[in-house]
Amino acid sequence: MAFAFMLSGCHVGLTVSEINIGHAENDVLQFVEGVRQENGNYLYMDEAEDLYVFLNRLYVPLGRDAVYFTNFHVTAQEEALTIFYTQESDSDNDAAVKYQVLYKIETNGGYDRIHLIGNGQPISFDRVFQVE
């Protein structure tokens, strides 16, 4: 089941960047700290219509391989924003891989729909936060 979230406005372009969690702005850091203890896919929208996607797989269930992220990209088509990511698993629990990632998407306007695609499959955000 795909998750589509409604936003209003128009768009001109977008910029995507990975953010060091420790260097995030205070409101974004508070958002991350609020969900950091739970594995999941999280979306935060600030008042400037920038989006932050936090992917968290830090906690590994007993007997399972660790999950980490290797690819993240975003496409915009008409009024829909599609966020793609790839996750892989590793039994070594290597400290060098990314179990938690935070991305900022500067949208320069809004989108009617936001889709999340993980490993080629539509999935939903576990929580969506919006600053009013």
Foldseek 3Di string as FASTA:
>chain_A
DKAWDFDDKFFDDKDKDWDDLVPDPPVVVVVCVVCQVDAFWEWEAEPQRKIKIKGAQPDDPPPFFGKAWDDWDWDDDGQEIEIETEIDTDNVPDPPTHRIIMMIMNTRIHGGIYWYAYPNHTDYGPYYHYDD
